[in-house]
Amino acid sequence: MSTPLIRDIEAMYLKTDLPHVVPGDSVRVTVRIVEGAKERLQAFEGVVLGLSGASTSRTVTVRKVFQGVGVERIFLLHSPRVESIKVLRHGYVRRAKLYYMRDRSGKAARLREKFVTKAQ
């Protein structure tokens, strides 16, 4: 139940340079980290487990395995802290939420690659 006034205000904050991200994609999300007075960029690379929300509250859940421990982060796509999102490869999946990946490790956690051809 979004009023036109709220949609107009939200439209000012929407990013237009975001790539098309779907579950199963391997992505690199670059985030601004503020530590005291310093600011730096940090990359988080992993597989997209799912997307949720709409408009400015759109989020993406990214999972990676670091030193044998699964790490998941949820990023607000339109947040000013998210510097960039780059799709590294497309995975072939048949689900909207890949929560079953949490129970898998090693070779069982691999996804088939979907090769996307660009139309000319």
PDB file of N, CA and C in Angstrom:
ATOM      1  N   MET A   1       0.849  -1.165   0.000  1.00  0.00           N
ATOM      2  CA  MET A   1       0.000   0.000   0.000  1.00  0.00           C
ATOM      3  C   MET A   1       0.899   1.234   0.000  1.00  0.00           C
ATOM      4  N   SER A   2       1.533   1.442  -1.124  1.00  0.00           N
ATOM      5  CA  SER A   2       2.482   2.529  -1.260  1.00  0.00           C
ATOM      6  C   SER A   2       1.818   3.717  -1.944  1.00  0.00           C
ATOM      7  N   THR A   3       1.915   4.856  -1.327  1.00  0.00           N
ATOM      8  CA  THR A   3       1.319   6.049  -1.915  1.00  0.00           C
ATOM      9  C   THR A   3       2.264   6.640  -2.951  1.00  0.00           C
ATOM     10  N   PRO A   4       1.746   7.447  -3.869  1.00  0.00           N
ATOM     11  CA  PRO A   4       2.623   8.061  -4.879  1.00  0.00           C
ATOM     12  C   PRO A   4       3.721   8.931  -4.261  1.00  0.00           C
ATOM     13  N   LEU A   5       3.442   9.567  -3.143  1.00  0.00           N
ATOM     14  CA  LEU A   5       4.446  10.397  -2.490  1.00  0.00           C
ATOM     15  C   LEU A   5       5.619   9.552  -1.999  1.00  0.00           C
ATOM     16  N   ILE A   6       5.326   8.413  -1.386  1.00  0.00           N
ATOM     17  CA  ILE A   6       6.382   7.524  -0.897  1.00  0.00           C
ATOM     18  C   ILE A   6       7.179   6.965  -2.070  1.00  0.00           C
ATOM     19  N   ARG A   7       6.507   6.575  -3.153  1.00  0.00           N
ATOM     20  CA  ARG A   7       7.208   6.056  -4.330  1.00  0.00           C
ATOM     21  C   ARG A   7       8.133   7.107  -4.933  1.00  0.00           C
ATOM     22  N   ASP A   8       7.724   8.369  -4.939  1.00  0.00           N
ATOM     23  CA  ASP A   8       8.564   9.434  -5.481  1.00  0.00           C
ATOM     24  C   ASP A   8       9.814   9.643  -4.632  1.00  0.00           C
ATOM     25  N   ILE A   9       9.655   9.585  -3.317  1.00  0.00           N
ATOM     26  CA  ILE A   9      10.798   9.747  -2.425  1.00  0.00           C
ATOM     27  C   ILE A   9      11.749   8.555  -2.559  1.00  0.00           C
ATOM     28  N   GLU A  10      11.199   7.340  -2.637  1.00  0.00           N
ATOM     29  CA  GLU A  10      12.036   6.156  -2.792  1.00  0.00           C
ATOM     30  C   GLU A  10      12.769   6.169  -4.121  1.00  0.00           C
ATOM     31  N   ALA A  11      12.155   6.701  -5.156  1.00  0.00           N
ATOM     32  CA  ALA A  11      12.768   6.715  -6.487  1.00  0.00           C
ATOM     33  C   ALA A  11      14.068   7.524  -6.496  1.00  0.00           C
ATOM     34  N   MET A  12      14.202   8.496  -5.610  1.00  0.00           N
ATOM     35  CA  MET A  12      15.435   9.288  -5.551  1.00  0.00           C
ATOM     36  C   MET A  12      16.612   8.438  -5.090  1.00  0.00           C
ATOM     37  N   TYR A  13      16.365   7.404  -4.304  1.00  0.00           N
ATOM     38  CA  TYR A  13      17.429   6.600  -3.722  1.00  0.00           C
ATOM     39  C   TYR A  13      17.715   5.308  -4.477  1.00  0.00           C
ATOM     40  N   LEU A  14      16.939   4.994  -5.504  1.00  0.00           N
ATOM     41  CA  LEU A  14      17.147   3.762  -6.250  1.00  0.00           C
ATOM     42  C   LEU A  14      18.391   3.869  -7.121  1.00  0.00           C
ATOM     43  N   LYS A  15      19.207   2.829  -7.122  1.00  0.00           N
ATOM     44  CA  LYS A  15      20.381   2.776  -7.985  1.00  0.00           C
ATOM     45  C   LYS A  15      19.961   2.263  -9.354  1.00  0.00           C
ATOM     46  N   THR A  16      20.581   2.792 -10.381  1.00  0.00           N
ATOM     47  CA  THR A  16      20.235   2.377 -11.745  1.00  0.00           C
ATOM     48  C   THR A  16      21.311   1.519 -12.387  1.00  0.00           C
ATOM     49  N   ASP A  17      22.490   1.428 -11.765  1.00  0.00           N
ATOM     50  CA  ASP A  17      23.609   0.712 -12.374  1.00  0.00           C
ATOM     51  C   ASP A  17      23.798  -0.702 -11.820  1.00  0.00           C
ATOM     52  N   LEU A  18      22.770  -1.284 -11.236  1.00  0.00           N
ATOM     53  CA  LEU A  18      22.889  -2.628 -10.665  1.00  0.00           C
ATOM     54  C   LEU A  18      22.735  -3.689 -11.751  1.00  0.00           C
ATOM     55  N   PRO A  19      23.560  -4.754 -11.715  1.00  0.00           N
ATOM     56  CA  PRO A  19      23.401  -5.841 -12.686  1.00  0.00           C
ATOM     57  C   PRO A  19      22.208  -6.720 -12.322  1.00  0.00           C
ATOM     58  N   HIS A  20      21.785  -7.523 -13.273  1.00  0.00           N
ATOM     59  CA  HIS A  20      20.684  -8.466 -13.041  1.00  0.00           C
ATOM     60  C   HIS A  20      21.248  -9.651 -12.252  1.00  0.00           C
ATOM     61  N   VAL A  21      20.815  -9.799 -11.002  1.00  0.00           N
ATOM     62  CA  VAL A  21      21.315 -10.845 -10.106  1.00  0.00           C
ATOM     63  C   VAL A  21      20.181 -11.800  -9.799  1.00  0.00           C
ATOM     64  N   VAL A  22      20.453 -13.103  -9.919  1.00  0.00           N
ATOM     65  CA  VAL A  22      19.470 -14.138  -9.606  1.00  0.00           C
ATOM     66  C   VAL A  22      20.125 -15.176  -8.705  1.00  0.00           C
ATOM     67  N   PRO A  23      19.346 -15.982  -7.986  1.00  0.00           N
ATOM     68  CA  PRO A  23      19.934 -17.023  -7.148  1.00  0.00           C
ATOM     69  C   PRO A  23      20.808 -17.976  -7.965  1.00  0.00           C
ATOM     70  N   GLY A  24      21.929 -18.360  -7.381  1.00  0.00           N
ATOM     71  CA  GLY A  24      22.874 -19.229  -8.065  1.00  0.00           C
ATOM     72  C   GLY A  24      24.035 -18.487  -8.689  1.00  0.00           C
ATOM     73  N   ASP A  25      23.930 -17.177  -8.823  1.00  0.00           N
ATOM     74  CA  ASP A  25      25.019 -16.386  -9.383  1.00  0.00           C
ATOM     75  C   ASP A  25      26.156 -16.262  -8.373  1.00  0.00           C
ATOM     76  N   SER A  26      27.378 -16.289  -8.875  1.00  0.00           N
ATOM     77  CA  SER A  26      28.532 -15.961  -8.046  1.00  0.00           C
ATOM     78  C   SER A  26      28.800 -14.481  -8.220  1.00  0.00           C
ATOM     79  N   VAL A  27      28.822 -13.752  -7.125  1.00  0.00           N
ATOM     80  CA  VAL A  27      28.951 -12.301  -7.199  1.00  0.00           C
ATOM     81  C   VAL A  27      30.080 -11.813  -6.294  1.00  0.00           C
ATOM     82  N   ARG A  28      30.570 -10.612  -6.612  1.00  0.00           N
ATOM     83  CA  ARG A  28      31.509  -9.908  -5.748  1.00  0.00           C
ATOM     84  C   ARG A  28      30.858  -8.593  -5.362  1.00  0.00           C
ATOM     85  N   VAL A  29      30.552  -8.446  -4.076  1.00  0.00           N
ATOM     86  CA  VAL A  29      29.917  -7.234  -3.564  1.00  0.00           C
ATOM     87  C   VAL A  29      30.997  -6.419  -2.859  1.00  0.00           C
ATOM     88  N   THR A  30      31.192  -5.186  -3.320  1.00  0.00           N
ATOM     89  CA  THR A  30      32.170  -4.298  -2.709  1.00  0.00           C
ATOM     90  C   THR A  30      31.435  -3.345  -1.779  1.00  0.00           C
ATOM     91  N   VAL A  31      31.861  -3.317  -0.505  1.00  0.00           N
ATOM     92  CA  VAL A  31      31.166  -2.573   0.535  1.00  0.00           C
ATOM     93  C   VAL A  31      32.120  -1.559   1.151  1.00  0.00           C
ATOM     94  N   ARG A  32      31.589  -0.383   1.480  1.00  0.00           N
ATOM     95  CA  ARG A  32      32.364   0.617   2.209  1.00  0.00           C
ATOM     96  C   ARG A  32      32.344   0.277   3.694  1.00  0.00           C
ATOM     97  N   ILE A  33      33.528   0.204   4.297  1.00  0.00           N
ATOM     98  CA  ILE A  33      33.667  -0.072   5.720  1.00  0.00           C
ATOM     99  C   ILE A  33      34.240   1.181   6.373  1.00  0.00           C
ATOM    100  N   VAL A  34      33.586   1.665   7.429  1.00  0.00           N
ATOM    101  CA  VAL A  34      34.063   2.838   8.146  1.00  0.00           C
ATOM    102  C   VAL A  34      34.654   2.379   9.468  1.00  0.00           C
ATOM    103  N   GLU A  35      35.934   2.692   9.672  1.00  0.00           N
ATOM    104  CA  GLU A  35      36.628   2.349  10.919  1.00  0.00           C
ATOM    105  C   GLU A  35      37.180   3.638  11.505  1.00  0.00           C
ATOM    106  N   GLY A  36      36.491   4.182  12.455  1.00  0.00           N
ATOM    107  CA  GLY A  36      36.904   5.452  13.033  1.00  0.00           C
ATOM    108  C   GLY A  36      36.739   6.564  12.015  1.00  0.00           C
ATOM    109  N   ALA A  37      37.828   7.252  11.696  1.00  0.00           N
ATOM    110  CA  ALA A  37      37.784   8.327  10.703  1.00  0.00           C
ATOM    111  C   ALA A  37      38.150   7.830   9.315  1.00  0.00           C
ATOM    112  N   LYS A  38      38.623   6.573   9.225  1.00  0.00           N
ATOM    113  CA  LYS A  38      39.047   6.023   7.933  1.00  0.00           C
ATOM    114  C   LYS A  38      37.907   5.269   7.265  1.00  0.00           C
ATOM    115  N   GLU A  39      37.962   5.239   5.958  1.00  0.00           N
ATOM    116  CA  GLU A  39      36.971   4.508   5.173  1.00  0.00           C
ATOM    117  C   GLU A  39      37.716   3.677   4.143  1.00  0.00           C
ATOM    118  N   ARG A  40      37.308   2.414   3.995  1.00  0.00           N
ATOM    119  CA  ARG A  40      37.957   1.544   3.014  1.00  0.00           C
ATOM    120  C   ARG A  40      36.915   0.689   2.327  1.00  0.00           C
ATOM    121  N   LEU A  41      37.322   0.042   1.243  1.00  0.00           N
ATOM    122  CA  LEU A  41      36.436  -0.849   0.501  1.00  0.00           C
ATOM    123  C   LEU A  41      36.824  -2.286   0.803  1.00  0.00           C
ATOM    124  N   GLN A  42      35.796  -3.133   0.977  1.00  0.00           N
ATOM    125  CA  GLN A  42      36.029  -4.542   1.241  1.00  0.00           C
ATOM    126  C   GLN A  42      35.122  -5.357   0.329  1.00  0.00           C
ATOM    127  N   ALA A  43      35.686  -6.365  -0.316  1.00  0.00           N
ATOM    128  CA  ALA A  43      34.917  -7.210  -1.231  1.00  0.00           C
ATOM    129  C   ALA A  43      34.452  -8.471  -0.504  1.00  0.00           C
ATOM    130  N   PHE A  44      33.237  -8.887  -0.803  1.00  0.00           N
ATOM    131  CA  PHE A  44      32.673 -10.129  -0.272  1.00  0.00           C
ATOM    132  C   PHE A  44      32.226 -10.934  -1.483  1.00  0.00           C
ATOM    133  N   GLU A  45      32.837 -12.092  -1.677  1.00  0.00           N
ATOM    134  CA  GLU A  45      32.576 -12.884  -2.866  1.00  0.00           C
ATOM    135  C   GLU A  45      31.916 -14.195  -2.474  1.00  0.00           C
ATOM    136  N   GLY A  46      30.780 -14.507  -3.115  1.00  0.00           N
ATOM    137  CA  GLY A  46      30.084 -15.740  -2.793  1.00  0.00           C
ATOM    138  C   GLY A  46      28.929 -16.004  -3.737  1.00  0.00           C
ATOM    139  N   VAL A  47      28.092 -16.955  -3.343  1.00  0.00           N
ATOM    140  CA  VAL A  47      26.949 -17.384  -4.155  1.00  0.00           C
ATOM    141  C   VAL A  47      25.679 -16.748  -3.601  1.00  0.00           C
ATOM    142  N   VAL A  48      24.835 -16.270  -4.498  1.00  0.00           N
ATOM    143  CA  VAL A  48      23.565 -15.663  -4.100  1.00  0.00           C
ATOM    144  C   VAL A  48      22.601 -16.778  -3.709  1.00  0.00           C
ATOM    145  N   LEU A  49      22.135 -16.759  -2.449  1.00  0.00           N
ATOM    146  CA  LEU A  49      21.169 -17.751  -1.979  1.00  0.00           C
ATOM    147  C   LEU A  49      19.746 -17.330  -2.266  1.00  0.00           C
ATOM    148  N   GLY A  50      19.494 -16.028  -2.275  1.00  0.00           N
ATOM    149  CA  GLY A  50      18.134 -15.569  -2.520  1.00  0.00           C
ATOM    150  C   GLY A  50      18.038 -14.064  -2.515  1.00  0.00           C
ATOM    151  N   LEU A  51      16.948 -13.586  -3.067  1.00  0.00           N
ATOM    152  CA  LEU A  51      16.620 -12.169  -3.082  1.00  0.00           C
ATOM    153  C   LEU A  51      15.301 -11.992  -2.356  1.00  0.00           C
ATOM    154  N   SER A  52      15.118 -10.854  -1.727  1.00  0.00           N
ATOM    155  CA  SER A  52      13.832 -10.579  -1.090  1.00  0.00           C
ATOM    156  C   SER A  52      13.607  -9.086  -1.053  1.00  0.00           C
ATOM    157  N   GLY A  53      12.378  -8.706  -0.810  1.00  0.00           N
ATOM    158  CA  GLY A  53      12.028  -7.293  -0.717  1.00  0.00           C
ATOM    159  C   GLY A  53      11.765  -6.693  -2.082  1.00  0.00           C
ATOM    160  N   ALA A  54      11.439  -5.406  -2.051  1.00  0.00           N
ATOM    161  CA  ALA A  54      11.160  -4.687  -3.285  1.00  0.00           C
ATOM    162  C   ALA A  54      11.575  -3.238  -3.103  1.00  0.00           C
ATOM    163  N   SER A  55      11.791  -2.566  -4.194  1.00  0.00           N
ATOM    164  CA  SER A  55      12.128  -1.153  -4.207  1.00  0.00           C
ATOM    165  C   SER A  55      13.397  -0.890  -3.394  1.00  0.00           C
ATOM    166  N   THR A  56      13.375   0.059  -2.472  1.00  0.00           N
ATOM    167  CA  THR A  56      14.582   0.398  -1.722  1.00  0.00           C
ATOM    168  C   THR A  56      14.926  -0.637  -0.657  1.00  0.00           C
ATOM    169  N   SER A  57      14.003  -1.496  -0.298  1.00  0.00           N
ATOM    170  CA  SER A  57      14.284  -2.515   0.719  1.00  0.00           C
ATOM    171  C   SER A  57      14.677  -3.853   0.100  1.00  0.00           C
ATOM    172  N   ARG A  58      15.098  -3.858  -1.161  1.00  0.00           N
ATOM    173  CA  ARG A  58      15.519  -5.081  -1.846  1.00  0.00           C
ATOM    174  C   ARG A  58      16.843  -5.563  -1.243  1.00  0.00           C
ATOM    175  N   THR A  59      16.884  -6.840  -0.851  1.00  0.00           N
ATOM    176  CA  THR A  59      18.094  -7.406  -0.259  1.00  0.00           C
ATOM    177  C   THR A  59      18.539  -8.635  -1.031  1.00  0.00           C
ATOM    178  N   VAL A  60      19.820  -8.936  -0.911  1.00  0.00           N
ATOM    179  CA  VAL A  60      20.394 -10.134  -1.512  1.00  0.00           C
ATOM    180  C   VAL A  60      21.205 -10.838  -0.425  1.00  0.00           C
ATOM    181  N   THR A  61      21.039 -12.168  -0.321  1.00  0.00           N
ATOM    182  CA  THR A  61      21.780 -12.977   0.644  1.00  0.00           C
ATOM    183  C   THR A  61      22.912 -13.683  -0.089  1.00  0.00           C
ATOM    184  N   VAL A  62      24.143 -13.448   0.358  1.00  0.00           N
ATOM    185  CA  VAL A  62      25.325 -14.013  -0.288  1.00  0.00           C
ATOM    186  C   VAL A  62      26.039 -14.913   0.723  1.00  0.00           C
ATOM    187  N   ARG A  63      26.462 -16.088   0.254  1.00  0.00           N
ATOM    188  CA  ARG A  63      27.122 -17.063   1.126  1.00  0.00           C
ATOM    189  C   ARG A  63      28.469 -17.460   0.542  1.00  0.00           C
ATOM    190  N   LYS A  64      29.458 -17.567   1.428  1.00  0.00           N
ATOM    191  CA  LYS A  64      30.759 -18.101   1.049  1.00  0.00           C
ATOM    192  C   LYS A  64      31.266 -18.976   2.182  1.00  0.00           C
ATOM    193  N   VAL A  65      32.246 -19.821   1.870  1.00  0.00           N
ATOM    194  CA  VAL A  65      32.873 -20.656   2.884  1.00  0.00           C
ATOM    195  C   VAL A  65      34.285 -20.130   3.089  1.00  0.00           C
ATOM    196  N   PHE A  66      34.592 -19.720   4.326  1.00  0.00           N
ATOM    197  CA  PHE A  66      35.897 -19.165   4.656  1.00  0.00           C
ATOM    198  C   PHE A  66      36.511 -20.001   5.769  1.00  0.00           C
ATOM    199  N   GLN A  67      37.653 -20.629   5.482  1.00  0.00           N
ATOM    200  CA  GLN A  67      38.365 -21.487   6.424  1.00  0.00           C
ATOM    201  C   GLN A  67      37.458 -22.570   7.002  1.00  0.00           C
ATOM    202  N   GLY A  68      36.644 -23.159   6.142  1.00  0.00           N
ATOM    203  CA  GLY A  68      35.775 -24.251   6.547  1.00  0.00           C
ATOM    204  C   GLY A  68      34.498 -23.845   7.244  1.00  0.00           C
ATOM    205  N   VAL A  69      34.262 -22.550   7.404  1.00  0.00           N
ATOM    206  CA  VAL A  69      33.062 -22.063   8.082  1.00  0.00           C
ATOM    207  C   VAL A  69      32.221 -21.288   7.079  1.00  0.00           C
ATOM    208  N   GLY A  70      30.933 -21.590   7.009  1.00  0.00           N
ATOM    209  CA  GLY A  70      30.036 -20.864   6.114  1.00  0.00           C
ATOM    210  C   GLY A  70      29.709 -19.489   6.658  1.00  0.00           C
ATOM    211  N   VAL A  71      29.837 -18.474   5.806  1.00  0.00           N
ATOM    212  CA  VAL A  71      29.566 -17.099   6.191  1.00  0.00           C
ATOM    213  C   VAL A  71      28.501 -16.547   5.248  1.00  0.00           C
ATOM    214  N   GLU A  72      27.439 -16.004   5.820  1.00  0.00           N
ATOM    215  CA  GLU A  72      26.385 -15.392   5.013  1.00  0.00           C
ATOM    216  C   GLU A  72      26.248 -13.931   5.398  1.00  0.00           C
ATOM    217  N   ARG A  73      26.041 -13.089   4.392  1.00  0.00           N
ATOM    218  CA  ARG A  73      25.770 -11.682   4.640  1.00  0.00           C
ATOM    219  C   ARG A  73      24.568 -11.277   3.817  1.00  0.00           C
ATOM    220  N   ILE A  74      23.786 -10.383   4.379  1.00  0.00           N
ATOM    221  CA  ILE A  74      22.619  -9.842   3.683  1.00  0.00           C
ATOM    222  C   ILE A  74      22.925  -8.389   3.355  1.00  0.00           C
ATOM    223  N   PHE A  75      22.836  -8.050   2.075  1.00  0.00           N
ATOM    224  CA  PHE A  75      23.150  -6.706   1.618  1.00  0.00           C
ATOM    225  C   PHE A  75      21.887  -6.013   1.116  1.00  0.00           C
ATOM    226  N   LEU A  76      21.722  -4.760   1.506  1.00  0.00           N
ATOM    227  CA  LEU A  76      20.682  -3.916   0.908  1.00  0.00           C
ATOM    228  C   LEU A  76      21.215  -3.444  -0.435  1.00  0.00           C
ATOM    229  N   LEU A  77      20.536  -3.763  -1.520  1.00  0.00           N
ATOM    230  CA  LEU A  77      21.059  -3.445  -2.848  1.00  0.00           C
ATOM    231  C   LEU A  77      21.198  -1.949  -3.088  1.00  0.00           C
ATOM    232  N   HIS A  78      20.263  -1.162  -2.583  1.00  0.00           N
ATOM    233  CA  HIS A  78      20.249   0.277  -2.857  1.00  0.00           C
ATOM    234  C   HIS A  78      20.902   1.095  -1.747  1.00  0.00           C
ATOM    235  N   SER A  79      21.642   0.442  -0.862  1.00  0.00           N
ATOM    236  CA  SER A  79      22.299   1.145   0.230  1.00  0.00           C
ATOM    237  C   SER A  79      23.492   1.945  -0.299  1.00  0.00           C
ATOM    238  N   PRO A  80      23.743   3.120   0.275  1.00  0.00           N
ATOM    239  CA  PRO A  80      24.937   3.868  -0.128  1.00  0.00           C
ATOM    240  C   PRO A  80      26.231   3.185   0.313  1.00  0.00           C
ATOM    241  N   ARG A  81      26.177   2.249   1.248  1.00  0.00           N
ATOM    242  CA  ARG A  81      27.362   1.503   1.676  1.00  0.00           C
ATOM    243  C   ARG A  81      27.808   0.483   0.628  1.00  0.00           C
ATOM    244  N   VAL A  82      26.883   0.007  -0.198  1.00  0.00           N
ATOM    245  CA  VAL A  82      27.230  -0.954  -1.248  1.00  0.00           C
ATOM    246  C   VAL A  82      27.789  -0.167  -2.428  1.00  0.00           C
ATOM    247  N   GLU A  83      29.082  -0.351  -2.664  1.00  0.00           N
ATOM    248  CA  GLU A  83      29.766   0.392  -3.726  1.00  0.00           C
ATOM    249  C   GLU A  83      29.437  -0.189  -5.094  1.00  0.00           C
ATOM    250  N   SER A  84      29.595  -1.516  -5.245  1.00  0.00           N
ATOM    251  CA  SER A  84      29.334  -2.137  -6.534  1.00  0.00           C
ATOM    252  C   SER A  84      29.011  -3.614  -6.342  1.00  0.00           C
ATOM    253  N   ILE A  85      28.349  -4.164  -7.342  1.00  0.00           N
ATOM    254  CA  ILE A  85      28.053  -5.594  -7.389  1.00  0.00           C
ATOM    255  C   ILE A  85      28.456  -6.077  -8.773  1.00  0.00           C
ATOM    256  N   LYS A  86      29.282  -7.113  -8.819  1.00  0.00           N
ATOM    257  CA  LYS A  86      29.732  -7.652 -10.090  1.00  0.00           C
ATOM    258  C   LYS A  86      29.385  -9.132 -10.146  1.00  0.00           C
ATOM    259  N   VAL A  87      28.722  -9.557 -11.217  1.00  0.00           N
ATOM    260  CA  VAL A  87      28.378 -10.964 -11.410  1.00  0.00           C
ATOM    261  C   VAL A  87      29.576 -11.647 -12.050  1.00  0.00           C
ATOM    262  N   LEU A  88      30.129 -12.658 -11.374  1.00  0.00           N
ATOM    263  CA  LEU A  88      31.300 -13.364 -11.869  1.00  0.00           C
ATOM    264  C   LEU A  88      30.922 -14.536 -12.758  1.00  0.00           C
ATOM    265  N   ARG A  89      29.896 -15.278 -12.357  1.00  0.00           N
ATOM    266  CA  ARG A  89      29.405 -16.384 -13.181  1.00  0.00           C
ATOM    267  C   ARG A  89      27.959 -16.672 -12.823  1.00  0.00           C
ATOM    268  N   HIS A  90      27.253 -17.268 -13.751  1.00  0.00           N
ATOM    269  CA  HIS A  90      25.841 -17.610 -13.556  1.00  0.00           C
ATOM    270  C   HIS A  90      25.741 -19.105 -13.260  1.00  0.00           C
ATOM    271  N   GLY A  91      25.028 -19.453 -12.215  1.00  0.00           N
ATOM    272  CA  GLY A  91      24.823 -20.851 -11.868  1.00  0.00           C
ATOM    273  C   GLY A  91      23.442 -21.306 -12.318  1.00  0.00           C
ATOM    274  N   TYR A  92      23.351 -22.570 -12.735  1.00  0.00           N
ATOM    275  CA  TYR A  92      22.076 -23.128 -13.173  1.00  0.00           C
ATOM    276  C   TYR A  92      21.380 -23.738 -11.963  1.00  0.00           C
ATOM    277  N   VAL A  93      20.267 -23.141 -11.536  1.00  0.00           N
ATOM    278  CA  VAL A  93      19.503 -23.636 -10.395  1.00  0.00           C
ATOM    279  C   VAL A  93      18.030 -23.645 -10.764  1.00  0.00           C
ATOM    280  N   ARG A  94      17.262 -24.408  -9.996  1.00  0.00           N
ATOM    281  CA  ARG A  94      15.824 -24.509 -10.261  1.00  0.00           C
ATOM    282  C   ARG A  94      15.004 -24.119  -9.042  1.00  0.00           C
ATOM    283  N   ARG A  95      15.580 -23.314  -8.172  1.00  0.00           N
ATOM    284  CA  ARG A  95      14.894 -22.869  -6.972  1.00  0.00           C
ATOM    285  C   ARG A  95      15.064 -21.367  -6.828  1.00  0.00           C
ATOM    286  N   ALA A  96      14.161 -20.741  -6.096  1.00  0.00           N
ATOM    287  CA  ALA A  96      14.259 -19.309  -5.832  1.00  0.00           C
ATOM    288  C   ALA A  96      15.102 -19.048  -4.593  1.00  0.00           C
ATOM    289  N   LYS A  97      15.131 -19.970  -3.654  1.00  0.00           N
ATOM    290  CA  LYS A  97      15.935 -19.850  -2.444  1.00  0.00           C
ATOM    291  C   LYS A  97      16.826 -21.089  -2.347  1.00  0.00           C
ATOM    292  N   LEU A  98      18.111 -20.883  -2.208  1.00  0.00           N
ATOM    293  CA  LEU A  98      19.060 -21.992  -2.203  1.00  0.00           C
ATOM    294  C   LEU A  98      19.511 -22.340  -0.793  1.00  0.00           C
ATOM    295  N   TYR A  99      18.574 -22.470   0.118  1.00  0.00           N
ATOM    296  CA  TYR A  99      18.914 -22.764   1.499  1.00  0.00           C
ATOM    297  C   TYR A  99      19.528 -24.152   1.663  1.00  0.00           C
ATOM    298  N   TYR A 100      19.332 -25.047   0.693  1.00  0.00           N
ATOM    299  CA  TYR A 100      19.914 -26.374   0.776  1.00  0.00           C
ATOM    300  C   TYR A 100      21.435 -26.317   0.659  1.00  0.00           C
ATOM    301  N   MET A 101      21.988 -25.205   0.179  1.00  0.00           N
ATOM    302  CA  MET A 101      23.440 -25.068   0.063  1.00  0.00           C
ATOM    303  C   MET A 101      24.106 -25.000   1.438  1.00  0.00           C
ATOM    304  N   ARG A 102      23.358 -24.663   2.478  1.00  0.00           N
ATOM    305  CA  ARG A 102      23.917 -24.579   3.825  1.00  0.00           C
ATOM    306  C   ARG A 102      24.352 -25.942   4.337  1.00  0.00           C
ATOM    307  N   ASP A 103      23.699 -26.996   3.870  1.00  0.00           N
ATOM    308  CA  ASP A 103      24.005 -28.348   4.333  1.00  0.00           C
ATOM    309  C   ASP A 103      25.083 -29.027   3.504  1.00  0.00           C
ATOM    310  N   ARG A 104      25.558 -28.376   2.452  1.00  0.00           N
ATOM    311  CA  ARG A 104      26.513 -29.002   1.552  1.00  0.00           C
ATOM    312  C   ARG A 104      27.904 -28.426   1.730  1.00  0.00           C
ATOM    313  N   SER A 105      28.896 -29.271   1.486  1.00  0.00           N
ATOM    314  CA  SER A 105      30.271 -28.810   1.573  1.00  0.00           C
ATOM    315  C   SER A 105      31.086 -29.504   0.493  1.00  0.00           C
ATOM    316  N   GLY A 106      32.227 -28.945   0.179  1.00  0.00           N
ATOM    317  CA  GLY A 106      33.120 -29.538  -0.805  1.00  0.00           C
ATOM    318  C   GLY A 106      32.531 -29.551  -2.201  1.00  0.00           C
ATOM    319  N   LYS A 107      32.712 -30.677  -2.886  1.00  0.00           N
ATOM    320  CA  LYS A 107      32.250 -30.779  -4.267  1.00  0.00           C
ATOM    321  C   LYS A 107      30.733 -30.777  -4.374  1.00  0.00           C
ATOM    322  N   ALA A 108      30.044 -31.175  -3.320  1.00  0.00           N
ATOM    323  CA  ALA A 108      28.586 -31.201  -3.341  1.00  0.00           C
ATOM    324  C   ALA A 108      28.000 -29.791  -3.377  1.00  0.00           C
ATOM    325  N   ALA A 109      28.794 -28.792  -3.009  1.00  0.00           N
ATOM    326  CA  ALA A 109      28.305 -27.412  -2.975  1.00  0.00           C
ATOM    327  C   ALA A 109      28.509 -26.697  -4.302  1.00  0.00           C
ATOM    328  N   ARG A 110      28.997 -27.393  -5.318  1.00  0.00           N
ATOM    329  CA  ARG A 110      29.194 -26.749  -6.618  1.00  0.00           C
ATOM    330  C   ARG A 110      27.869 -26.639  -7.357  1.00  0.00           C
ATOM    331  N   LEU A 111      27.763 -25.616  -8.185  1.00  0.00           N
ATOM    332  CA  LEU A 111      26.597 -25.422  -9.038  1.00  0.00           C
ATOM    333  C   LEU A 111      27.041 -25.500 -10.487  1.00  0.00           C
ATOM    334  N   ARG A 112      26.183 -26.068 -11.331  1.00  0.00           N
ATOM    335  CA  ARG A 112      26.493 -26.087 -12.756  1.00  0.00           C
ATOM    336  C   ARG A 112      26.481 -24.666 -13.281  1.00  0.00           C
ATOM    337  N   GLU A 113      27.364 -24.389 -14.218  1.00  0.00           N
ATOM    338  CA  GLU A 113      27.418 -23.042 -14.773  1.00  0.00           C
ATOM    339  C   GLU A 113      26.448 -22.919 -15.940  1.00  0.00           C
ATOM    340  N   LYS A 114      25.734 -21.783 -15.951  1.00  0.00           N
ATOM    341  CA  LYS A 114      24.815 -21.485 -17.039  1.00  0.00           C
ATOM    342  C   LYS A 114      25.529 -20.511 -17.958  1.00  0.00           C
ATOM    343  N   PHE A 115      25.723 -20.893 -19.194  1.00  0.00           N
ATOM    344  CA  PHE A 115      26.411 -20.046 -20.149  1.00  0.00           C
ATOM    345  C   PHE A 115      25.389 -19.162 -20.849  1.00  0.00           C
ATOM    346  N   VAL A 116      25.571 -17.857 -20.703  1.00  0.00           N
ATOM    347  CA  VAL A 116      24.643 -16.891 -21.266  1.00  0.00           C
ATOM    348  C   VAL A 116      25.279 -16.293 -22.503  1.00  0.00           C
ATOM    349  N   THR A 117      24.600 -16.409 -23.629  1.00  0.00           N
ATOM    350  CA  THR A 117      25.113 -15.807 -24.857  1.00  0.00           C
ATOM    351  C   THR A 117      24.476 -14.453 -25.045  1.00  0.00           C
ATOM    352  N   LYS A 118      25.274 -13.528 -25.513  1.00  0.00           N
ATOM    353  CA  LYS A 118      24.770 -12.183 -25.750  1.00  0.00           C
ATOM    354  C   LYS A 118      24.231 -12.096 -27.178  1.00  0.00           C
ATOM    355  N   ALA A 119      23.010 -11.625 -27.296  1.00  0.00           N
ATOM    356  CA  ALA A 119      22.404 -11.464 -28.622  1.00  0.00           C
ATOM    357  C   ALA A 119      23.051 -10.279 -29.328  1.00  0.00           C
ATOM    358  N   GLN A 120      23.312 -10.467 -30.623  1.00  0.00           N
ATOM    359  CA  GLN A 120      23.937  -9.393 -31.378  1.00  0.00           C
ATOM    360  C   GLN A 120      22.996  -8.795 -32.370  1.00  0.00           C
TER     361      GLN A 120
END
